Structures are given as C-alpha cells and as structure tokens.
All heavy atoms as atom14 arrays in JSON, in Angstrom:
{
  "sequence": "GAGVSATVGGMGLAGGFGAVGIGATPVVAGAVAGAAAFGQLMRSHTEI",
  "atom14_mask": [
    [1, 1, 1, 1, 0, 0, 0, 0, 0, 0, 0, 0, 0, 0],
    [1, 1, 1, 1, 1, 0, 0, 0, 0, 0, 0, 0, 0, 0],
    [1, 1, 1, 1, 0, 0, 0, 0, 0, 0, 0, 0, 0, 0],
    [1, 1, 1, 1, 1, 1, 1, 0, 0, 0, 0, 0, 0, 0],
    [1, 1, 1, 1, 1, 1, 0, 0, 0, 0, 0, 0, 0, 0],
    [1, 1, 1, 1, 1, 0, 0, 0, 0, 0, 0, 0, 0, 0],
    [1, 1, 1, 1, 1, 1, 1, 0, 0, 0, 0, 0, 0, 0],
    [1, 1, 1, 1, 1, 1, 1, 0, 0, 0, 0, 0, 0, 0],
    [1, 1, 1, 1, 0, 0, 0, 0, 0, 0, 0, 0, 0, 0],
    [1, 1, 1, 1, 0, 0, 0, 0, 0, 0, 0, 0, 0, 0],
    [1, 1, 1, 1, 1, 1, 1, 1, 0, 0, 0, 0, 0, 0],
    [1, 1, 1, 1, 0, 0, 0, 0, 0, 0, 0, 0, 0, 0],
    [1, 1, 1, 1, 1, 1, 1, 1, 0, 0, 0, 0, 0, 0],
    [1, 1, 1, 1, 1, 0, 0, 0, 0, 0, 0, 0, 0, 0],
    [1, 1, 1, 1, 0, 0, 0, 0, 0, 0, 0, 0, 0, 0],
    [1, 1, 1, 1, 0, 0, 0, 0, 0, 0, 0, 0, 0, 0],
    [1, 1, 1, 1, 1, 1, 1, 1, 1, 1, 1, 0, 0, 0],
    [1, 1, 1, 1, 0, 0, 0, 0, 0, 0, 0, 0, 0, 0],
    [1, 1, 1, 1, 1, 0, 0, 0, 0, 0, 0, 0, 0, 0],
    [1, 1, 1, 1, 1, 1, 1, 0, 0, 0, 0, 0, 0, 0],
    [1, 1, 1, 1, 0, 0, 0, 0, 0, 0, 0, 0, 0, 0],
    [1, 1, 1, 1, 1, 1, 1, 1, 0, 0, 0, 0, 0, 0],
    [1, 1, 1, 1, 0, 0, 0, 0, 0, 0, 0, 0, 0, 0],
    [1, 1, 1, 1, 1, 0, 0, 0, 0, 0, 0, 0, 0, 0],
    [1, 1, 1, 1, 1, 1, 1, 0, 0, 0, 0, 0, 0, 0],
    [1, 1, 1, 1, 1, 1, 1, 0, 0, 0, 0, 0, 0, 0],
    [1, 1, 1, 1, 1, 1, 1, 0, 0, 0, 0, 0, 0, 0],
    [1, 1, 1, 1, 1, 1, 1, 0, 0, 0, 0, 0, 0, 0],
    [1, 1, 1, 1, 1, 0, 0, 0, 0, 0, 0, 0, 0, 0],
    [1, 1, 1, 1, 0, 0, 0, 0, 0, 0, 0, 0, 0, 0],
    [1, 1, 1, 1, 1, 0, 0, 0, 0, 0, 0, 0, 0, 0],
    [1, 1, 1, 1, 1, 1, 1, 0, 0, 0, 0, 0, 0, 0],
    [1, 1, 1, 1, 1, 0, 0, 0, 0, 0, 0, 0, 0, 0],
    [1, 1, 1, 1, 0, 0, 0, 0, 0, 0, 0, 0, 0, 0],
    [1, 1, 1, 1, 1, 0, 0, 0, 0, 0, 0, 0, 0, 0],
    [1, 1, 1, 1, 1, 0, 0, 0, 0, 0, 0, 0, 0, 0],
    [1, 1, 1, 1, 1, 0, 0, 0, 0, 0, 0, 0, 0, 0],
    [1, 1, 1, 1, 1, 1, 1, 1, 1, 1, 1, 0, 0, 0],
    [1, 1, 1, 1, 0, 0, 0, 0, 0, 0, 0, 0, 0, 0],
    [1, 1, 1, 1, 1, 1, 1, 1, 1, 0, 0, 0, 0, 0],
    [1, 1, 1, 1, 1, 1, 1, 1, 0, 0, 0, 0, 0, 0],
    [1, 1, 1, 1, 1, 1, 1, 1, 0, 0, 0, 0, 0, 0],
    [1, 1, 1, 1, 1, 1, 1, 1, 1, 1, 1, 0, 0, 0],
    [1, 1, 1, 1, 1, 1, 0, 0, 0, 0, 0, 0, 0, 0],
    [1, 1, 1, 1, 1, 1, 1, 1, 1, 1, 0, 0, 0, 0],
    [1, 1, 1, 1, 1, 1, 1, 0, 0, 0, 0, 0, 0, 0],
    [1, 1, 1, 1, 1, 1, 1, 1, 1, 0, 0, 0, 0, 0],
    [1, 1, 1, 1, 1, 1, 1, 1, 0, 0, 0, 0, 0, 0]
  ],
  "atom14_positions": [
    [[124.16, -92.97, -153.65], [124.67, -92.69, -154.97], [125.66, -93.79, -155.46], [125.64, -94.17, -156.6], [0.0, 0.0, 0.0], [0.0, 0.0, 0.0], [0.0, 0.0, 0.0], [0.0, 0.0, 0.0], [0.0, 0.0, 0.0], [0.0, 0.0, 0.0], [0.0, 0.0, 0.0], [0.0, 0.0, 0.0], [0.0, 0.0, 0.0], [0.0, 0.0, 0.0]],
    [[126.49, -94.23, -154.43], [127.49, -95.33, -154.87], [126.74, -96.63, -155.23], [127.12, -97.35, -156.09], [128.4, -95.58, -153.67], [0.0, 0.0, 0.0], [0.0, 0.0, 0.0], [0.0, 0.0, 0.0], [0.0, 0.0, 0.0], [0.0, 0.0, 0.0], [0.0, 0.0, 0.0], [0.0, 0.0, 0.0], [0.0, 0.0, 0.0], [0.0, 0.0, 0.0]],
    [[125.59, -96.84, -154.49], [124.78, -97.97, -154.8], [124.24, -97.94, -156.27], [124.27, -98.93, -157.0], [0.0, 0.0, 0.0], [0.0, 0.0, 0.0], [0.0, 0.0, 0.0], [0.0, 0.0, 0.0], [0.0, 0.0, 0.0], [0.0, 0.0, 0.0], [0.0, 0.0, 0.0], [0.0, 0.0, 0.0], [0.0, 0.0, 0.0], [0.0, 0.0, 0.0]],
    [[123.71, -96.75, -156.62], [123.23, -96.58, -157.93], [124.31, -96.73, -158.93], [124.15, -97.38, -160.01], [122.58, -95.18, -158.04], [122.2, -94.86, -159.48], [121.29, -95.11, -157.17], [0.0, 0.0, 0.0], [0.0, 0.0, 0.0], [0.0, 0.0, 0.0], [0.0, 0.0, 0.0], [0.0, 0.0, 0.0], [0.0, 0.0, 0.0], [0.0, 0.0, 0.0]],
    [[125.53, -96.17, -158.66], [126.63, -96.26, -159.58], [127.07, -97.64, -159.72], [127.34, -98.06, -160.89], [127.79, -95.41, -159.03], [128.86, -95.41, -159.88], [0.0, 0.0, 0.0], [0.0, 0.0, 0.0], [0.0, 0.0, 0.0], [0.0, 0.0, 0.0], [0.0, 0.0, 0.0], [0.0, 0.0, 0.0], [0.0, 0.0, 0.0], [0.0, 0.0, 0.0]],
    [[126.99, -98.48, -158.63], [127.42, -99.91, -158.79], [126.41, -100.61, -159.55], [126.78, -101.58, -160.35], [127.55, -100.48, -157.42], [0.0, 0.0, 0.0], [0.0, 0.0, 0.0], [0.0, 0.0, 0.0], [0.0, 0.0, 0.0], [0.0, 0.0, 0.0], [0.0, 0.0, 0.0], [0.0, 0.0, 0.0], [0.0, 0.0, 0.0], [0.0, 0.0, 0.0]],
    [[125.16, -100.28, -159.46], [124.06, -101.0, -160.2], [124.15, -100.57, -161.7], [124.08, -101.47, -162.53], [122.66, -100.53, -159.62], [122.61, -100.9, -158.26], [121.59, -101.23, -160.4], [0.0, 0.0, 0.0], [0.0, 0.0, 0.0], [0.0, 0.0, 0.0], [0.0, 0.0, 0.0], [0.0, 0.0, 0.0], [0.0, 0.0, 0.0], [0.0, 0.0, 0.0]],
    [[124.42, -99.37, -162.01], [124.5, -98.9, -163.38], [125.76, -99.37, -164.01], [125.78, -99.73, -165.13], [124.36, -97.37, -163.42], [124.73, -96.84, -164.77], [123.01, -96.88, -162.96], [0.0, 0.0, 0.0], [0.0, 0.0, 0.0], [0.0, 0.0, 0.0], [0.0, 0.0, 0.0], [0.0, 0.0, 0.0], [0.0, 0.0, 0.0], [0.0, 0.0, 0.0]],
    [[126.83, -99.45, -163.22], [128.09, -100.05, -163.63], [128.73, -99.15, -164.68], [128.82, -97.94, -164.6], [0.0, 0.0, 0.0], [0.0, 0.0, 0.0], [0.0, 0.0, 0.0], [0.0, 0.0, 0.0], [0.0, 0.0, 0.0], [0.0, 0.0, 0.0], [0.0, 0.0, 0.0], [0.0, 0.0, 0.0], [0.0, 0.0, 0.0], [0.0, 0.0, 0.0]],
    [[129.16, -99.79, -165.8], [129.89, -98.98, -166.81], [128.92, -98.5, -167.94], [129.39, -98.23, -169.05], [0.0, 0.0, 0.0], [0.0, 0.0, 0.0], [0.0, 0.0, 0.0], [0.0, 0.0, 0.0], [0.0, 0.0, 0.0], [0.0, 0.0, 0.0], [0.0, 0.0, 0.0], [0.0, 0.0, 0.0], [0.0, 0.0, 0.0], [0.0, 0.0, 0.0]],
    [[127.66, -98.29, -167.66], [126.71, -97.79, -168.62], [127.05, -96.39, -169.08], [127.71, -95.68, -168.28], [125.28, -97.85, -168.1], [124.76, -99.25, -167.96], [123.0, -99.05, -167.44], [122.63, -100.68, -167.07], [0.0, 0.0, 0.0], [0.0, 0.0, 0.0], [0.0, 0.0, 0.0], [0.0, 0.0, 0.0], [0.0, 0.0, 0.0], [0.0, 0.0, 0.0]],
    [[126.52, -95.98, -170.17], [126.7, -94.64, -170.61], [125.38, -94.22, -171.33], [124.48, -95.01, -171.46], [0.0, 0.0, 0.0], [0.0, 0.0, 0.0], [0.0, 0.0, 0.0], [0.0, 0.0, 0.0], [0.0, 0.0, 0.0], [0.0, 0.0, 0.0], [0.0, 0.0, 0.0], [0.0, 0.0, 0.0], [0.0, 0.0, 0.0], [0.0, 0.0, 0.0]],
    [[125.33, -92.98, -171.78], [124.24, -92.5, -172.49], [124.72, -92.09, -173.93], [125.77, -91.39, -174.04], [123.6, -91.23, -171.76], [123.16, -91.51, -170.38], [122.74, -90.11, -169.76], [121.98, -92.3, -170.38], [0.0, 0.0, 0.0], [0.0, 0.0, 0.0], [0.0, 0.0, 0.0], [0.0, 0.0, 0.0], [0.0, 0.0, 0.0], [0.0, 0.0, 0.0]],
    [[124.02, -92.48, -174.9], [124.36, -92.09, -176.28], [123.22, -91.57, -176.98], [122.07, -91.96, -176.72], [124.91, -93.31, -177.09], [0.0, 0.0, 0.0], [0.0, 0.0, 0.0], [0.0, 0.0, 0.0], [0.0, 0.0, 0.0], [0.0, 0.0, 0.0], [0.0, 0.0, 0.0], [0.0, 0.0, 0.0], [0.0, 0.0, 0.0], [0.0, 0.0, 0.0]],
    [[123.38, -90.53, -177.85], [122.32, -89.93, -178.54], [122.83, -89.0, -179.64], [124.01, -89.0, -179.94], [0.0, 0.0, 0.0], [0.0, 0.0, 0.0], [0.0, 0.0, 0.0], [0.0, 0.0, 0.0], [0.0, 0.0, 0.0], [0.0, 0.0, 0.0], [0.0, 0.0, 0.0], [0.0, 0.0, 0.0], [0.0, 0.0, 0.0], [0.0, 0.0, 0.0]],
    [[121.98, -88.13, -180.08], [122.4, -87.21, -181.09], [123.51, -86.19, -180.71], [124.19, -85.63, -181.44], [0.0, 0.0, 0.0], [0.0, 0.0, 0.0], [0.0, 0.0, 0.0], [0.0, 0.0, 0.0], [0.0, 0.0, 0.0], [0.0, 0.0, 0.0], [0.0, 0.0, 0.0], [0.0, 0.0, 0.0], [0.0, 0.0, 0.0], [0.0, 0.0, 0.0]],
    [[123.57, -86.04, -179.32], [124.64, -85.22, -178.73], [125.98, -85.82, -178.63], [126.96, -85.22, -178.3], [124.17, -84.78, -177.32], [123.88, -85.94, -176.41], [124.96, -86.55, -175.75], [122.64, -86.49, -176.38], [124.66, -87.61, -174.87], [122.4, -87.57, -175.5], [123.45, -88.12, -174.79], [0.0, 0.0, 0.0], [0.0, 0.0, 0.0], [0.0, 0.0, 0.0]],
    [[126.07, -87.14, -178.91], [127.25, -87.85, -178.8], [127.05, -88.89, -177.64], [126.03, -89.35, -177.4], [0.0, 0.0, 0.0], [0.0, 0.0, 0.0], [0.0, 0.0, 0.0], [0.0, 0.0, 0.0], [0.0, 0.0, 0.0], [0.0, 0.0, 0.0], [0.0, 0.0, 0.0], [0.0, 0.0, 0.0], [0.0, 0.0, 0.0], [0.0, 0.0, 0.0]],
    [[128.16, -89.25, -177.05], [128.03, -90.23, -175.91], [128.72, -89.73, -174.73], [129.75, -89.04, -174.78], [128.71, -91.6, -176.39], [0.0, 0.0, 0.0], [0.0, 0.0, 0.0], [0.0, 0.0, 0.0], [0.0, 0.0, 0.0], [0.0, 0.0, 0.0], [0.0, 0.0, 0.0], [0.0, 0.0, 0.0], [0.0, 0.0, 0.0], [0.0, 0.0, 0.0]],
    [[128.26, -90.18, -173.5], [128.82, -89.75, -172.27], [128.77, -90.91, -171.32], [127.77, -91.61, -171.25], [128.02, -88.48, -171.77], [127.04, -88.84, -170.72], [128.97, -87.42, -171.24], [0.0, 0.0, 0.0], [0.0, 0.0, 0.0], [0.0, 0.0, 0.0], [0.0, 0.0, 0.0], [0.0, 0.0, 0.0], [0.0, 0.0, 0.0], [0.0, 0.0, 0.0]],
    [[129.83, -91.11, -170.51], [129.82, -92.12, -169.5], [129.23, -91.62, -168.23], [129.33, -90.43, -167.91], [0.0, 0.0, 0.0], [0.0, 0.0, 0.0], [0.0, 0.0, 0.0], [0.0, 0.0, 0.0], [0.0, 0.0, 0.0], [0.0, 0.0, 0.0], [0.0, 0.0, 0.0], [0.0, 0.0, 0.0], [0.0, 0.0, 0.0], [0.0, 0.0, 0.0]],
    [[128.48, -92.43, -167.49], [127.83, -92.02, -166.27], [128.88, -91.91, -165.17], [128.87, -91.01, -164.38], [126.61, -92.98, -166.0], [125.6, -92.87, -167.0], [126.12, -92.69, -164.62], [124.36, -93.76, -166.88], [0.0, 0.0, 0.0], [0.0, 0.0, 0.0], [0.0, 0.0, 0.0], [0.0, 0.0, 0.0], [0.0, 0.0, 0.0], [0.0, 0.0, 0.0]],
    [[129.75, -92.92, -165.04], [130.78, -92.94, -164.04], [130.34, -92.58, -162.65], [129.41, -93.25, -162.06], [0.0, 0.0, 0.0], [0.0, 0.0, 0.0], [0.0, 0.0, 0.0], [0.0, 0.0, 0.0], [0.0, 0.0, 0.0], [0.0, 0.0, 0.0], [0.0, 0.0, 0.0], [0.0, 0.0, 0.0], [0.0, 0.0, 0.0], [0.0, 0.0, 0.0]],
    [[130.94, -91.64, -161.99], [130.73, -91.22, -160.58], [129.55, -90.27, -160.4], [129.36, -89.8, -159.27], [131.96, -90.81, -159.91], [0.0, 0.0, 0.0], [0.0, 0.0, 0.0], [0.0, 0.0, 0.0], [0.0, 0.0, 0.0], [0.0, 0.0, 0.0], [0.0, 0.0, 0.0], [0.0, 0.0, 0.0], [0.0, 0.0, 0.0], [0.0, 0.0, 0.0]],
    [[128.91, -89.92, -161.42], [127.85, -88.91, -161.32], [126.8, -89.19, -160.27], [126.43, -88.3, -159.54], [127.16, -88.66, -162.69], [128.16, -88.31, -163.67], [126.12, -87.54, -162.64], [0.0, 0.0, 0.0], [0.0, 0.0, 0.0], [0.0, 0.0, 0.0], [0.0, 0.0, 0.0], [0.0, 0.0, 0.0], [0.0, 0.0, 0.0], [0.0, 0.0, 0.0]],
    [[126.33, -90.47, -160.18], [125.35, -90.77, -159.13], [125.94, -90.59, -157.73], [125.19, -90.16, -156.86], [124.95, -92.17, -159.38], [125.3, -92.48, -160.85], [126.55, -91.64, -161.09], [0.0, 0.0, 0.0], [0.0, 0.0, 0.0], [0.0, 0.0, 0.0], [0.0, 0.0, 0.0], [0.0, 0.0, 0.0], [0.0, 0.0, 0.0], [0.0, 0.0, 0.0]],
    [[127.17, -90.84, -157.54], [127.76, -90.61, -156.17], [127.74, -89.15, -155.8], [127.36, -88.77, -154.77], [129.18, -91.15, -156.16], [129.83, -90.86, -154.83], [129.25, -92.61, -156.56], [0.0, 0.0, 0.0], [0.0, 0.0, 0.0], [0.0, 0.0, 0.0], [0.0, 0.0, 0.0], [0.0, 0.0, 0.0], [0.0, 0.0, 0.0], [0.0, 0.0, 0.0]],
    [[128.12, -88.28, -156.74], [128.11, -86.83, -156.52], [126.68, -86.34, -156.34], [126.41, -85.56, -155.34], [128.87, -86.04, -157.61], [128.68, -84.56, -157.49], [130.3, -86.45, -157.7], [0.0, 0.0, 0.0], [0.0, 0.0, 0.0], [0.0, 0.0, 0.0], [0.0, 0.0, 0.0], [0.0, 0.0, 0.0], [0.0, 0.0, 0.0], [0.0, 0.0, 0.0]],
    [[125.83, -86.78, -157.16], [124.37, -86.36, -157.03], [123.88, -86.83, -155.67], [123.07, -86.12, -155.12], [123.6, -86.95, -158.16], [0.0, 0.0, 0.0], [0.0, 0.0, 0.0], [0.0, 0.0, 0.0], [0.0, 0.0, 0.0], [0.0, 0.0, 0.0], [0.0, 0.0, 0.0], [0.0, 0.0, 0.0], [0.0, 0.0, 0.0], [0.0, 0.0, 0.0]],
    [[124.19, -88.01, -155.26], [123.73, -88.51, -153.95], [124.2, -87.6, -152.76], [123.48, -87.31, -151.87], [0.0, 0.0, 0.0], [0.0, 0.0, 0.0], [0.0, 0.0, 0.0], [0.0, 0.0, 0.0], [0.0, 0.0, 0.0], [0.0, 0.0, 0.0], [0.0, 0.0, 0.0], [0.0, 0.0, 0.0], [0.0, 0.0, 0.0], [0.0, 0.0, 0.0]],
    [[125.52, -87.21, -152.83], [126.08, -86.35, -151.85], [125.35, -84.98, -151.87], [124.98, -84.44, -150.75], [127.61, -86.09, -152.09], [0.0, 0.0, 0.0], [0.0, 0.0, 0.0], [0.0, 0.0, 0.0], [0.0, 0.0, 0.0], [0.0, 0.0, 0.0], [0.0, 0.0, 0.0], [0.0, 0.0, 0.0], [0.0, 0.0, 0.0], [0.0, 0.0, 0.0]],
    [[125.12, -84.41, -152.98], [124.36, -83.17, -153.16], [122.93, -83.3, -152.56], [122.44, -82.44, -151.85], [124.42, -82.65, -154.6], [123.44, -81.42, -154.75], [125.78, -82.31, -155.0], [0.0, 0.0, 0.0], [0.0, 0.0, 0.0], [0.0, 0.0, 0.0], [0.0, 0.0, 0.0], [0.0, 0.0, 0.0], [0.0, 0.0, 0.0], [0.0, 0.0, 0.0]],
    [[122.24, -84.4, -152.91], [120.9, -84.63, -152.42], [120.87, -84.78, -150.95], [119.98, -84.25, -150.28], [120.26, -85.86, -153.05], [0.0, 0.0, 0.0], [0.0, 0.0, 0.0], [0.0, 0.0, 0.0], [0.0, 0.0, 0.0], [0.0, 0.0, 0.0], [0.0, 0.0, 0.0], [0.0, 0.0, 0.0], [0.0, 0.0, 0.0], [0.0, 0.0, 0.0]],
    [[121.86, -85.42, -150.34], [121.96, -85.57, -148.89], [122.18, -84.23, -148.3], [121.51, -83.89, -147.25], [0.0, 0.0, 0.0], [0.0, 0.0, 0.0], [0.0, 0.0, 0.0], [0.0, 0.0, 0.0], [0.0, 0.0, 0.0], [0.0, 0.0, 0.0], [0.0, 0.0, 0.0], [0.0, 0.0, 0.0], [0.0, 0.0, 0.0], [0.0, 0.0, 0.0]],
    [[123.03, -83.33, -148.8], [123.27, -82.04, -148.29], [121.94, -81.2, -148.4], [121.6, -80.41, -147.4], [124.34, -81.33, -148.96], [0.0, 0.0, 0.0], [0.0, 0.0, 0.0], [0.0, 0.0, 0.0], [0.0, 0.0, 0.0], [0.0, 0.0, 0.0], [0.0, 0.0, 0.0], [0.0, 0.0, 0.0], [0.0, 0.0, 0.0], [0.0, 0.0, 0.0]],
    [[121.2, -81.34, -149.47], [119.99, -80.58, -149.66], [118.89, -81.04, -148.69], [118.19, -80.26, -148.09], [119.47, -80.76, -151.07], [0.0, 0.0, 0.0], [0.0, 0.0, 0.0], [0.0, 0.0, 0.0], [0.0, 0.0, 0.0], [0.0, 0.0, 0.0], [0.0, 0.0, 0.0], [0.0, 0.0, 0.0], [0.0, 0.0, 0.0], [0.0, 0.0, 0.0]],
    [[118.84, -82.36, -148.45], [117.89, -82.86, -147.42], [118.21, -82.29, -146.09], [117.33, -81.99, -145.31], [117.92, -84.38, -147.39], [0.0, 0.0, 0.0], [0.0, 0.0, 0.0], [0.0, 0.0, 0.0], [0.0, 0.0, 0.0], [0.0, 0.0, 0.0], [0.0, 0.0, 0.0], [0.0, 0.0, 0.0], [0.0, 0.0, 0.0], [0.0, 0.0, 0.0]],
    [[119.47, -82.28, -145.71], [119.9, -81.75, -144.42], [119.49, -80.25, -144.3], [118.96, -79.83, -143.3], [121.4, -81.92, -144.11], [121.9, -81.26, -142.91], [121.49, -81.76, -141.68], [122.62, -80.12, -143.0], [121.95, -81.15, -140.48], [123.09, -79.52, -141.78], [122.74, -80.04, -140.58], [0.0, 0.0, 0.0], [0.0, 0.0, 0.0], [0.0, 0.0, 0.0]],
    [[119.75, -79.53, -145.31], [119.37, -78.05, -145.39], [117.89, -77.84, -145.19], [117.47, -76.99, -144.46], [0.0, 0.0, 0.0], [0.0, 0.0, 0.0], [0.0, 0.0, 0.0], [0.0, 0.0, 0.0], [0.0, 0.0, 0.0], [0.0, 0.0, 0.0], [0.0, 0.0, 0.0], [0.0, 0.0, 0.0], [0.0, 0.0, 0.0], [0.0, 0.0, 0.0]],
    [[117.11, -78.72, -145.85], [115.65, -78.61, -145.67], [115.19, -78.93, -144.26], [114.34, -78.26, -143.73], [114.98, -79.55, -146.71], [113.46, -79.43, -146.68], [112.93, -78.04, -147.0], [113.57, -77.33, -147.81], [111.87, -77.61, -146.39], [0.0, 0.0, 0.0], [0.0, 0.0, 0.0], [0.0, 0.0, 0.0], [0.0, 0.0, 0.0], [0.0, 0.0, 0.0]],
    [[115.85, -79.96, -143.68], [115.55, -80.37, -142.32], [115.79, -79.18, -141.34], [115.02, -78.86, -140.52], [116.35, -81.62, -141.89], [116.19, -82.1, -140.5], [114.78, -82.72, -140.32], [117.3, -83.05, -140.16], [0.0, 0.0, 0.0], [0.0, 0.0, 0.0], [0.0, 0.0, 0.0], [0.0, 0.0, 0.0], [0.0, 0.0, 0.0], [0.0, 0.0, 0.0]],
    [[117.05, -78.52, -141.53], [117.38, -77.44, -140.6], [116.43, -76.24, -140.86], [116.18, -75.59, -139.85], [118.87, -77.09, -140.91], [119.91, -78.14, -140.64], [120.22, -78.71, -138.9], [118.9, -78.55, -137.91], [0.0, 0.0, 0.0], [0.0, 0.0, 0.0], [0.0, 0.0, 0.0], [0.0, 0.0, 0.0], [0.0, 0.0, 0.0], [0.0, 0.0, 0.0]],
    [[116.05, -76.05, -142.05], [115.18, -74.99, -142.34], [113.81, -75.16, -141.64], [113.29, -74.25, -141.04], [114.95, -74.78, -143.91], [113.99, -73.69, -144.19], [113.93, -73.58, -145.76], [112.96, -72.61, -146.14], [111.67, -72.92, -146.49], [111.3, -74.08, -146.56], [110.82, -71.86, -146.84], [0.0, 0.0, 0.0], [0.0, 0.0, 0.0], [0.0, 0.0, 0.0]],
    [[113.25, -76.35, -141.74], [111.98, -76.61, -141.06], [112.07, -76.54, -139.55], [111.21, -76.02, -138.92], [111.38, -77.88, -141.58], [112.29, -78.95, -141.5], [0.0, 0.0, 0.0], [0.0, 0.0, 0.0], [0.0, 0.0, 0.0], [0.0, 0.0, 0.0], [0.0, 0.0, 0.0], [0.0, 0.0, 0.0], [0.0, 0.0, 0.0], [0.0, 0.0, 0.0]],
    [[113.24, -76.97, -139.04], [113.4, -76.88, -137.54], [113.48, -75.38, -137.16], [112.93, -75.0, -136.13], [114.73, -77.55, -137.12], [114.57, -79.05, -136.98], [114.88, -79.74, -135.89], [114.14, -79.94, -137.92], [114.65, -81.02, -136.08], [114.21, -81.14, -137.27], [0.0, 0.0, 0.0], [0.0, 0.0, 0.0], [0.0, 0.0, 0.0], [0.0, 0.0, 0.0]],
    [[114.13, -74.63, -137.98], [114.28, -73.17, -137.63], [112.9, -72.51, -137.67], [112.58, -71.69, -136.84], [115.32, -72.48, -138.61], [116.51, -73.16, -138.55], [115.42, -71.0, -138.26], [0.0, 0.0, 0.0], [0.0, 0.0, 0.0], [0.0, 0.0, 0.0], [0.0, 0.0, 0.0], [0.0, 0.0, 0.0], [0.0, 0.0, 0.0], [0.0, 0.0, 0.0]],
    [[112.13, -72.85, -138.7], [110.76, -72.27, -138.83], [109.87, -72.64, -137.65], [109.13, -71.77, -137.18], [110.11, -72.71, -140.14], [110.7, -71.99, -141.39], [110.11, -72.52, -142.66], [109.15, -73.33, -142.64], [110.44, -71.96, -143.76], [0.0, 0.0, 0.0], [0.0, 0.0, 0.0], [0.0, 0.0, 0.0], [0.0, 0.0, 0.0], [0.0, 0.0, 0.0]],
    [[110.04, -73.83, -137.18], [109.22, -74.24, -136.07], [109.71, -73.49, -134.85], [108.78, -73.0, -134.04], [109.35, -75.76, -135.86], [108.66, -76.56, -136.92], [108.83, -76.22, -134.43], [108.94, -78.07, -137.0], [0.0, 0.0, 0.0], [0.0, 0.0, 0.0], [0.0, 0.0, 0.0], [0.0, 0.0, 0.0], [0.0, 0.0, 0.0], [0.0, 0.0, 0.0]]
  ]
}
C-alpha cells in the first residue's frame, strides 16, 4: 500500500461530489488486504 501511495503521490479525486485527497488510503487498504489474506489462509488450513 505504501508503494501505491508513493506512486500515486499527492493525487486526488475530483468530481460532482467535490474533491478528496488519496493520501494514506492505499496504505490502510494494503494492511486490511494483508489481514484478509491471512484470514483466508488460516480458514483454508482449518478446513483441510
């Protein structure tokens, strides 16, 4: 997520809803995705 954040840099999203900075969102999303992947791995090990 930090890699994505560094690549995206100071970009933001703008539209009819207004504007929003991306900031650290990819870092948090990466951490959540990592936790979800671990949960799925543990679930499949338990099922086996």
